[in-house]
Protein backbone atom coordinates (compact mmCIF):
# COMPACT_ATOMS: atom_id res chain seq x y z
CA UNK A 1 125.86 79.74 199.16
CA UNK A 2 125.29 77.88 195.89
CA UNK A 3 128.41 76.02 194.87
CA UNK A 4 129.52 75.41 191.31
CA UNK A 5 130.09 71.77 190.41
CA UNK A 6 133.54 71.65 188.86
CA UNK A 7 135.88 69.29 187.03
CA UNK A 8 139.56 70.22 186.72
CA UNK A 9 141.85 68.65 184.12
CA UNK A 10 145.51 69.33 184.82
CA UNK A 11 149.23 68.48 184.49
CA UNK A 12 150.85 69.94 187.65
CA UNK A 13 153.15 72.05 187.07
CA UNK A 14 153.82 74.85 189.58
CA UNK A 15 151.09 77.15 188.28
CA UNK A 16 148.65 74.20 188.10
CA UNK A 17 149.48 73.42 191.74
CA UNK A 18 148.69 76.98 192.80
CA UNK A 19 145.44 76.85 190.81
CA UNK A 20 144.43 73.62 192.56
CA UNK A 21 145.26 75.15 195.94
CA UNK A 22 143.07 78.14 195.16
CA UNK A 23 140.24 75.81 194.12
CA UNK A 24 140.63 73.87 197.38
CA UNK A 25 140.52 77.12 199.39
CA UNK A 26 137.47 78.40 197.54
CA UNK A 27 134.04 78.06 199.11
CA UNK A 28 132.18 78.29 195.82
CA UNK A 29 133.75 75.36 193.95
CA UNK A 30 132.57 71.81 194.54
CA UNK A 31 135.35 69.77 192.92
CA UNK A 32 133.95 66.49 191.59
CA UNK A 33 136.86 65.14 189.54
CA UNK A 34 140.50 66.08 189.03
CA UNK A 35 141.94 64.30 186.01
CA UNK A 36 145.64 64.06 185.22
CA UNK A 37 147.03 64.51 181.72
CA UNK A 38 150.54 64.46 180.27
CA UNK A 39 152.12 67.84 179.62
CA UNK A 40 154.45 69.60 182.00
CA UNK A 41 155.41 66.15 183.24
CA UNK A 42 154.50 62.53 182.46
CA UNK A 43 150.94 61.58 183.36
CA UNK A 44 152.02 59.26 186.19
CA UNK A 45 153.95 62.10 187.81
CA UNK A 46 151.01 64.45 187.20
CA UNK A 47 148.71 61.98 188.98
CA UNK A 48 151.03 61.75 191.99
CA UNK A 49 151.38 65.54 192.10
CA UNK A 50 147.61 65.96 192.25
CA UNK A 51 147.48 63.54 195.16
CA UNK A 52 150.35 65.38 196.87
CA UNK A 53 148.57 68.71 196.55
CA UNK A 54 145.33 67.42 198.05
CA UNK A 55 147.16 65.60 200.83
CA UNK A 56 149.41 68.50 201.79
CA UNK A 57 146.31 70.72 201.91
CA UNK A 58 144.67 68.17 204.23
CA UNK A 59 141.51 67.91 202.15
CA UNK A 60 139.00 65.72 203.98
CA UNK A 61 136.43 65.30 201.22
CA UNK A 62 138.62 64.15 198.36
CA UNK A 63 137.36 64.40 194.78
CA UNK A 64 137.84 61.54 192.36
CA UNK A 65 141.46 61.72 191.19
CA UNK A 66 141.93 59.97 187.88
CA UNK A 67 144.69 59.12 185.43
CA UNK A 68 144.21 60.29 181.86
CA UNK A 69 146.12 60.37 178.61
CA UNK A 70 149.79 59.49 178.35
CA UNK A 71 150.13 60.80 174.78
CA UNK A 72 148.24 63.02 172.36
CA UNK A 73 145.34 61.91 170.15
CA UNK A 74 147.74 61.56 167.22
CA UNK A 75 150.13 59.45 169.29
CA UNK A 76 152.90 62.01 169.05
CA UNK A 77 154.99 62.14 172.20
CA UNK A 78 156.44 65.45 173.31
CA UNK A 79 159.08 65.65 176.01
CA UNK A 80 157.94 67.29 179.25
CA UNK A 81 159.25 70.77 180.00
CA UNK A 82 161.72 71.27 182.81
CA UNK A 83 160.66 74.82 183.62
CA UNK A 84 158.81 73.35 186.62
CA UNK A 85 161.67 71.09 187.69
CA UNK A 86 162.11 67.38 187.07
CA UNK A 87 159.15 66.45 189.28
CA UNK A 88 156.93 69.31 188.17
CA UNK A 89 156.67 71.09 191.52
CA UNK A 90 160.03 72.81 191.71
CA UNK A 91 161.71 72.29 195.08
CA UNK A 92 158.47 71.34 196.86
CA UNK A 93 158.73 68.09 198.78
CA UNK A 94 155.93 66.06 200.31
CA UNK A 95 155.81 62.29 200.70
CA UNK A 96 152.49 60.72 199.88
CA UNK A 97 150.79 58.83 202.67
CA UNK A 98 150.64 55.05 202.67
CA UNK A 99 146.90 55.14 201.97
CA UNK A 100 145.88 53.10 198.97
CA UNK A 101 144.45 55.02 196.03
CA UNK A 102 142.16 53.31 193.57
CA UNK A 103 143.33 53.23 189.98
CA UNK A 104 140.72 55.34 188.22
CA UNK A 105 140.63 55.97 184.48
CA UNK A 106 139.94 59.59 183.57
CA UNK A 107 137.51 58.78 180.76
CA UNK A 108 135.47 56.53 183.06
CA UNK A 109 135.57 59.08 185.89
CA UNK A 110 134.49 61.96 183.67
CA UNK A 111 131.72 59.92 182.06
CA UNK A 112 130.44 58.73 185.44
CA UNK A 113 130.53 62.19 186.95
CA UNK A 114 128.59 63.69 184.06
CA UNK A 115 126.02 60.91 184.29
CA UNK A 116 125.34 61.95 187.89
CA UNK A 117 125.68 65.73 187.72
CA UNK A 118 125.44 68.53 185.24
CA UNK A 119 128.82 70.22 185.55
CA UNK A 120 128.74 74.00 185.89
CA UNK A 121 132.37 74.47 184.97
CA UNK A 122 135.13 72.42 183.41
CA UNK A 123 138.55 74.00 183.94
CA UNK A 124 141.35 72.75 181.71
CA UNK A 125 144.95 73.57 182.62
CA UNK A 126 146.92 71.23 180.35
CA UNK A 127 146.72 69.60 176.91
CA UNK A 128 143.11 68.86 176.00
CA UNK A 129 143.48 65.15 175.24
CA UNK A 130 141.29 63.86 178.08
CA UNK A 131 138.47 66.24 177.26
CA UNK A 132 138.60 65.66 173.51
CA UNK A 133 138.52 61.90 174.09
CA UNK A 134 135.41 62.31 176.23
CA UNK A 135 133.66 64.47 173.63
CA UNK A 136 134.53 62.09 170.80
CA UNK A 137 133.52 58.92 172.64
CA UNK A 138 130.59 60.37 174.56
CA UNK A 139 129.01 63.17 172.47
CA UNK A 140 126.11 63.59 174.92
CA UNK A 141 128.64 64.93 177.42
CA UNK A 142 128.38 68.25 175.57
CA UNK A 143 124.90 68.71 177.00
CA UNK A 144 126.08 68.09 180.56
CA UNK A 145 128.86 70.72 180.65
CA UNK A 146 127.60 74.26 181.10
CA UNK A 147 130.91 76.01 180.36
CA UNK A 148 134.62 75.39 179.87
CA UNK A 149 137.46 77.65 180.92
CA UNK A 150 140.45 76.74 178.76
CA UNK A 151 143.96 77.85 179.62
CA UNK A 152 145.77 77.55 176.33
CA UNK A 153 146.44 78.90 172.89
CA UNK A 154 147.87 82.14 171.61
CA UNK A 155 145.80 84.20 169.18
CA UNK A 156 147.41 87.60 168.56
CA UNK A 157 150.70 87.00 170.36
CA UNK A 158 153.59 84.61 169.76
CA UNK A 159 153.59 81.14 171.22
CA UNK A 160 155.83 79.63 173.88
CA UNK A 161 156.29 76.18 172.28
CA UNK A 162 156.80 77.47 168.75
CA UNK A 163 156.55 80.95 167.31
CA UNK A 164 152.93 80.21 166.44
CA UNK A 165 151.72 77.87 169.19
CA UNK A 166 151.23 77.85 172.94
CA UNK A 167 152.46 74.78 174.83
CA UNK A 168 149.14 73.10 175.76
CA UNK A 169 147.72 73.42 172.25
CA UNK A 170 151.00 72.38 170.65
CA UNK A 171 151.09 69.22 172.75
CA UNK A 172 147.82 68.06 171.19
CA UNK A 173 146.47 70.29 168.39
CA UNK A 174 143.88 67.71 167.33
CA UNK A 175 142.41 67.65 170.82
CA UNK A 176 142.40 71.46 171.03
CA UNK A 177 140.55 71.60 167.72
CA UNK A 178 137.89 69.16 168.97
CA UNK A 179 137.28 71.17 172.15
CA UNK A 180 137.33 74.61 170.52
CA UNK A 181 134.78 73.42 167.95
CA UNK A 182 132.60 71.53 170.44
CA UNK A 183 129.95 74.30 170.63
CA UNK A 184 130.19 74.17 174.43
CA UNK A 185 130.46 77.76 175.75
CA UNK A 186 134.17 78.46 176.19
CA UNK A 187 136.15 81.19 177.89
CA UNK A 188 139.68 81.15 176.50
CA UNK A 189 142.48 82.33 178.78
CA UNK A 190 145.29 82.37 176.23
CA UNK A 191 148.85 83.67 176.34
CA UNK A 192 147.39 86.97 175.14
CA UNK A 193 145.88 87.26 178.63
CA UNK A 194 148.36 85.42 180.83
CA UNK A 195 151.30 87.54 179.67
CA UNK A 196 149.56 90.64 180.99
CA UNK A 197 150.42 89.76 184.58
CA UNK A 198 153.89 88.96 185.83
CA UNK A 199 153.58 87.85 189.45
CA UNK A 200 156.42 89.93 190.83
CA UNK A 201 158.44 88.69 193.78
CA UNK A 202 157.05 91.54 195.89
CA UNK A 203 153.52 90.16 195.46
CA UNK A 204 154.47 87.04 197.40
CA UNK A 205 155.43 89.11 200.43
CA UNK A 206 151.68 89.30 201.10
CA UNK A 207 151.55 85.57 201.72
CA UNK A 208 151.48 84.79 205.45
CA UNK A 209 153.97 81.94 205.60
CA UNK A 210 154.20 79.81 208.75
CA UNK A 211 155.78 76.53 209.82
CA UNK A 212 153.08 74.31 208.31
CA UNK A 213 153.56 71.68 205.61
CA UNK A 214 151.50 73.64 203.04
CA UNK A 215 153.63 76.71 203.72
CA UNK A 216 156.89 74.82 203.14
CA UNK A 217 155.40 73.21 200.03
CA UNK A 218 154.50 76.61 198.58
CA UNK A 219 157.93 78.04 199.45
CA UNK A 220 159.56 75.16 197.58
CA UNK A 221 157.61 75.94 194.44
CA UNK A 222 158.10 79.69 194.65
CA UNK A 223 161.84 79.49 195.32
CA UNK A 224 162.35 77.32 192.27
CA UNK A 225 160.06 79.39 190.03
CA UNK A 226 161.49 82.76 190.99
CA UNK A 227 165.07 81.52 190.66
CA UNK A 228 164.36 79.95 187.27
CA UNK A 229 162.81 83.12 185.86
CA UNK A 230 165.61 85.25 187.28
CA UNK A 231 168.33 83.01 185.86
CA UNK A 232 166.89 82.13 182.45
CA UNK A 233 164.44 84.95 181.71
CA UNK A 234 166.04 87.82 183.65
CA UNK A 235 162.70 88.63 185.28
CA UNK A 236 161.93 89.43 188.89
CA UNK A 237 158.76 87.39 188.98
CA UNK A 238 156.94 84.48 187.36
CA UNK A 239 154.03 83.98 185.03
CA UNK A 240 151.27 81.78 186.49
CA UNK A 241 148.91 81.12 183.55
CA UNK A 242 146.81 78.44 185.26
CA UNK A 243 146.24 80.68 188.27
CA UNK A 244 144.53 83.13 185.93
CA UNK A 245 142.22 80.41 184.64
CA UNK A 246 141.19 79.61 188.21
CA UNK A 247 140.76 83.30 189.00
CA UNK A 248 138.44 83.54 186.00
CA UNK A 249 136.29 80.87 187.64
CA UNK A 250 136.18 82.74 190.95
CA UNK A 251 135.84 86.36 189.83
CA UNK A 252 134.31 86.85 186.39
CA UNK A 253 134.31 90.64 186.76
CA UNK A 254 138.12 90.73 186.91
CA UNK A 255 138.24 89.68 183.25
CA UNK A 256 136.87 91.17 180.06
CA UNK A 257 136.14 89.22 176.89
CA UNK A 258 135.30 89.67 173.26
CA UNK A 259 133.60 87.16 171.04
CA UNK A 260 135.71 85.54 168.33
CA UNK A 261 135.23 82.64 165.95
CA UNK A 262 138.39 80.56 166.35
CA UNK A 263 139.96 77.37 165.07
CA UNK A 264 143.19 75.40 165.61
CA UNK A 265 145.74 74.46 162.95
CA UNK A 266 146.57 70.74 162.91
CA UNK A 267 148.79 70.80 159.85
CA UNK A 268 151.69 73.11 159.00
CA UNK A 269 151.55 75.41 162.04
CA UNK A 270 150.41 72.84 164.58
CA UNK A 271 148.62 74.31 167.58
CA UNK A 272 148.25 77.79 166.13
CA UNK A 273 144.93 79.45 166.95
CA UNK A 274 143.43 81.58 164.22
CA UNK A 275 140.24 83.43 163.46
CA UNK A 276 137.95 81.41 161.23
CA UNK A 277 134.43 82.61 160.54
CA UNK A 278 133.64 79.28 158.92
CA UNK A 279 134.17 77.53 162.26
CA UNK A 280 130.72 78.78 163.32
CA UNK A 281 131.69 78.99 166.97
CA UNK A 282 131.78 81.85 169.41
CA UNK A 283 134.67 81.77 171.84
CA UNK A 284 134.90 84.31 174.64
CA UNK A 285 138.48 85.46 174.19
CA UNK A 286 139.96 87.13 177.28
CA UNK A 287 141.56 90.40 176.23
CA UNK A 288 141.98 92.29 179.49
CA UNK A 289 142.57 91.47 183.17
CA UNK A 290 142.30 93.56 186.33
CA UNK A 291 145.75 92.90 187.79
CA UNK A 292 145.01 94.21 191.27
CA UNK A 293 141.89 92.07 191.69
CA UNK A 294 143.63 88.96 190.39
CA UNK A 295 146.73 89.35 192.58
CA UNK A 296 144.58 90.05 195.65
CA UNK A 297 142.40 87.04 194.89
CA UNK A 298 145.46 84.81 194.57
CA UNK A 299 147.04 85.95 197.83
CA UNK A 300 143.70 85.85 199.69
CA UNK A 301 143.04 82.23 198.71
CA UNK A 302 146.57 81.07 199.46
CA UNK A 303 146.49 82.83 202.83
CA UNK A 304 143.15 81.20 203.61
CA UNK A 305 144.72 77.85 202.87
CA UNK A 306 147.57 78.63 205.28
CA UNK A 307 145.36 79.94 208.08
C-alpha cells in the first residue's frame, strides 16, 4: 500500500481531535508533521492537546509536533471559542507523560519536512497563519506541496463568526487570502459542506466503547459536545467540520466538487469568501457529501482505534 505523506495543521478542538484520531487510525496517511496554531484555544493549549491525542492513542512512531502562530498575520488577537470547553477537548482528561518534548517551531518544522519530502497532502483544520507564513517566507514550498485540503470559509451560506465569515478565515483573513491565492491545488471544505451533516447522537451508538483510555477520552469529548449542542443549539447531534476534511483525504469519492475562482475579503467583511474571476485561481469547492459513507468512515476509523 502506497501511503500519502501528510502534514496536518490544527487547533484542537473536539472535531480536530477526532480528525487526528482518524488520521492516526488510517493506514494510508504517513503523518510527517502536526503543527499547532491558535484558534479554538491558545496555541500553547493546542500544542499540549496534540501531544495528548497522540499519547492517548499510544502512537509509537510520533510525527514532529510543532508550535506555530500565537496571533494572526495582522497581529489581531481573537479570543478563543468556548464551544469546545475551556481546554478545547470538552470533558476529556488525560495527563501527559513526563517525557520531555523538544520545543519545535512550526515554520522550521514545515520547512525542514518539505526539504526532505514532497508532501502529498496538507490538511488545514484551523486558521491558516502557519501555512501563509511558510508560503510568504519560503515561496519554493509551493512546489513541494501536491494538494491542500482546507477546512474553512463560507461561500454561499452564512458564517459562524460573523454573518459573512467562517471562524477559521475570520481569525486570519490575510492568511486565508495568501493560501487561497497560492496556486497550489486546493479542495475547500467550507461551511457550505460541513453543515450538510449533523452527526446525530444515534450515530455514536456504532462506536464500540470499552474500558480503555482512548475510549474514556472520546466519551469525554462526545458528552461535552452533545450536551453543548443540546443546551445551546437545541440539536440532537454535533457538527464535526474537521472530521469531514479528514474524510475527504481518506475517501475522495464521498465528496463532489465544482471549480470556482475564489478570493477572501480582508477589509470591510473580513474573512468573507467570494467569487472573483480576477483571482485567476481554481478552487475545488465541495458542494455535496455522501452522508452514509462519511459517517461509516468515521465510525470505522474510531472503532479501529479502540480495537
